[in-house]
């Protein structure tokens, strides 16, 4: 998960509001009802619990899947087969996340062991990397030993190489 303060501030804010609702439910006058006719204290307990548990669960799930993705990339880098990929075709999917378009790259991969195969690689790629994705340039790639369709295109390393030149 990105180290942005919003991922930590929002659950804290929601938890404070939820604690306020729990306190409100505890201090509600006995017999007070909502507009729908339900007991006010139970309503505030339920809303307070929701305001505390849901953002914490959501933040936990986001952190879990982010760590799992980072671990998968680290595993591919450490145990995967290194290779070079050459872009044969690039196609936009029409999907854009945070103004970063998702593309499908058709890659011809040549591993360090000499094996060659073609893989479709779908990912949101920042337009600053588009000058790296040219048919005449070999890109660094890591391939899973068991599943040849699982690859990681290391554009950050390619960008760093380009910056050194």
Protein backbone atom coordinates (compact mmCIF):
# COMPACT_ATOMS: atom_id res chain seq x y z
CA UNK A 1 0.00 0.00 0.00
CA UNK A 2 1.28 3.42 -0.81
CA UNK A 3 2.63 5.40 2.10
CA UNK A 4 0.03 8.15 1.85
CA UNK A 5 -1.43 9.73 4.97
CA UNK A 6 -5.00 9.43 3.69
CA UNK A 7 -4.86 5.65 4.21
CA UNK A 8 -4.23 6.24 7.90
CA UNK A 9 -6.10 9.48 8.58
CA UNK A 10 -9.50 8.43 7.20
CA UNK A 11 -9.88 5.32 9.39
CA UNK A 12 -8.92 7.41 12.43
CA UNK A 13 -11.54 10.04 11.55
CA UNK A 14 -14.21 7.40 10.99
CA UNK A 15 -13.25 5.68 14.27
CA UNK A 16 -13.58 8.98 16.17
CA UNK A 17 -17.04 9.51 14.66
CA UNK A 18 -17.94 5.90 15.53
CA UNK A 19 -16.79 6.36 19.12
CA UNK A 20 -18.93 9.49 19.27
CA UNK A 21 -21.93 7.47 18.09
CA UNK A 22 -21.26 4.76 20.67
CA UNK A 23 -21.12 7.42 23.40
CA UNK A 24 -24.31 8.93 21.99
CA UNK A 25 -26.01 5.54 22.14
CA UNK A 26 -24.92 5.08 25.74
CA UNK A 27 -26.16 8.53 26.78
CA UNK A 28 -29.41 8.40 24.75
CA UNK A 29 -32.53 8.90 26.84
CA UNK A 30 -34.29 5.64 27.65
CA UNK A 31 -37.23 5.07 25.35
CA UNK A 32 -36.06 7.56 22.67
CA UNK A 33 -36.79 6.41 19.14
CA UNK A 34 -35.56 7.19 15.66
CA UNK A 35 -37.94 8.61 13.07
CA UNK A 36 -38.64 5.05 11.94
CA UNK A 37 -39.65 3.97 15.42
CA UNK A 38 -36.54 1.95 16.31
CA UNK A 39 -34.72 2.46 19.64
CA UNK A 40 -32.19 5.28 19.22
CA UNK A 41 -29.49 3.70 21.36
CA UNK A 42 -29.42 0.48 19.28
CA UNK A 43 -29.31 2.51 16.09
CA UNK A 44 -26.34 4.54 17.36
CA UNK A 45 -24.56 1.38 18.55
CA UNK A 46 -24.97 -0.21 15.11
CA UNK A 47 -23.83 2.92 13.25
CA UNK A 48 -20.91 3.45 15.62
CA UNK A 49 -19.79 -0.14 15.17
CA UNK A 50 -20.07 0.22 11.41
CA UNK A 51 -18.08 3.46 11.42
CA UNK A 52 -15.32 1.78 13.43
CA UNK A 53 -15.17 -1.72 11.94
CA UNK A 54 -15.77 -1.12 8.23
CA UNK A 55 -12.90 1.36 7.61
CA UNK A 56 -10.53 -0.74 9.71
CA UNK A 57 -11.49 -3.89 7.79
CA UNK A 58 -11.16 -2.07 4.47
CA UNK A 59 -7.74 -0.69 5.41
CA UNK A 60 -6.66 -4.15 6.56
CA UNK A 61 -7.77 -5.76 3.29
CA UNK A 62 -6.05 -3.10 1.22
CA UNK A 63 -2.85 -3.60 3.20
CA UNK A 64 -3.07 -7.39 2.88
CA UNK A 65 -3.53 -7.39 -0.90
CA UNK A 66 -0.85 -4.73 -1.34
CA UNK A 67 1.66 -6.74 0.71
CA UNK A 68 0.71 -9.89 -1.21
CA UNK A 69 1.32 -8.12 -4.52
CA UNK A 70 4.68 -6.79 -3.31
CA UNK A 71 5.60 -10.31 -2.11
CA UNK A 72 4.64 -11.83 -5.48
CA UNK A 73 6.88 -9.33 -7.27
CA UNK A 74 9.73 -10.00 -4.83
CA UNK A 75 9.32 -13.77 -5.37
CA UNK A 76 9.41 -13.33 -9.13
CA UNK A 77 12.54 -11.20 -8.86
CA UNK A 78 14.30 -13.66 -6.56
CA UNK A 79 13.15 -17.05 -7.91
CA UNK A 80 11.87 -16.25 -11.37
CA UNK A 81 13.64 -16.65 -14.66
CA UNK A 82 15.24 -13.46 -15.94
CA UNK A 83 14.69 -12.57 -19.52
CA UNK A 84 14.29 -9.90 -22.13
CA UNK A 85 10.95 -8.88 -23.59
CA UNK A 86 10.37 -7.18 -26.88
CA UNK A 87 7.06 -5.40 -27.43
CA UNK A 88 5.26 -6.77 -30.48
CA UNK A 89 1.97 -4.92 -30.02
CA UNK A 90 0.45 -2.39 -27.62
CA UNK A 91 -3.28 -1.84 -27.27
CA UNK A 92 -5.27 0.34 -24.89
CA UNK A 93 -8.13 -1.34 -23.07
CA UNK A 94 -10.14 1.85 -22.57
CA UNK A 95 -9.81 1.58 -18.81
CA UNK A 96 -8.06 4.34 -16.92
CA UNK A 97 -7.27 4.31 -13.19
CA UNK A 98 -6.24 7.67 -11.68
CA UNK A 99 -5.69 8.94 -15.23
CA UNK A 100 -3.21 6.12 -15.90
CA UNK A 101 -4.38 4.09 -18.90
CA UNK A 102 -4.46 0.32 -18.83
CA UNK A 103 -2.77 -1.32 -21.80
CA UNK A 104 -2.25 -4.81 -23.12
CA UNK A 105 1.29 -5.46 -24.27
CA UNK A 106 2.01 -8.45 -26.45
CA UNK A 107 5.53 -9.43 -25.45
CA UNK A 108 7.95 -11.81 -27.14
CA UNK A 109 10.02 -13.06 -24.23
CA UNK A 110 13.43 -14.64 -24.50
CA UNK A 111 14.59 -16.06 -21.18
CA UNK A 112 18.20 -16.39 -20.10
CA UNK A 113 17.84 -20.13 -20.67
CA UNK A 114 17.06 -19.49 -24.35
CA UNK A 115 13.35 -20.28 -24.24
CA UNK A 116 11.10 -18.04 -26.39
CA UNK A 117 7.36 -17.50 -26.08
CA UNK A 118 4.69 -14.82 -26.47
CA UNK A 119 2.72 -13.43 -23.53
CA UNK A 120 -0.05 -10.84 -23.21
CA UNK A 121 0.73 -8.51 -20.30
CA UNK A 122 -2.11 -6.27 -19.04
CA UNK A 123 -1.24 -3.45 -16.69
CA UNK A 124 -1.82 0.23 -15.96
CA UNK A 125 1.32 1.88 -17.27
CA UNK A 126 2.11 5.51 -16.61
CA UNK A 127 2.60 7.46 -19.87
CA UNK A 128 6.10 8.52 -18.73
CA UNK A 129 7.19 4.94 -19.49
CA UNK A 130 5.83 4.96 -23.05
CA UNK A 131 9.19 5.98 -24.51
CA UNK A 132 10.58 2.71 -23.09
CA UNK A 133 7.92 0.60 -24.80
CA UNK A 134 9.22 0.56 -28.35
CA UNK A 135 9.58 -2.45 -30.67
CA UNK A 136 13.34 -2.03 -31.06
CA UNK A 137 14.11 -2.05 -27.33
CA UNK A 138 14.54 -5.09 -25.09
CA UNK A 139 12.97 -4.74 -21.64
CA UNK A 140 13.91 -6.56 -18.46
CA UNK A 141 11.33 -9.14 -17.41
CA UNK A 142 10.95 -11.84 -14.76
CA UNK A 143 9.00 -15.01 -15.54
CA UNK A 144 7.46 -17.49 -13.10
CA UNK A 145 9.08 -20.92 -13.47
CA UNK A 146 5.78 -22.82 -13.13
CA UNK A 147 3.43 -20.45 -15.00
CA UNK A 148 4.99 -18.82 -18.06
CA UNK A 149 2.01 -16.44 -18.37
CA UNK A 150 2.87 -14.82 -15.02
CA UNK A 151 5.48 -12.18 -15.77
CA UNK A 152 6.69 -8.95 -14.22
CA UNK A 153 7.89 -6.22 -16.54
CA UNK A 154 10.41 -4.19 -14.56
CA UNK A 155 9.79 -0.74 -16.04
CA UNK A 156 11.23 1.05 -13.00
CA UNK A 157 14.61 -0.61 -13.55
CA UNK A 158 14.48 0.29 -17.24
CA UNK A 159 13.63 3.88 -16.35
CA UNK A 160 16.61 3.99 -13.95
CA UNK A 161 18.91 2.67 -16.70
CA UNK A 162 17.62 5.34 -19.07
CA UNK A 163 18.21 8.05 -16.45
CA UNK A 164 21.86 6.96 -16.04
CA UNK A 165 22.51 7.28 -19.79
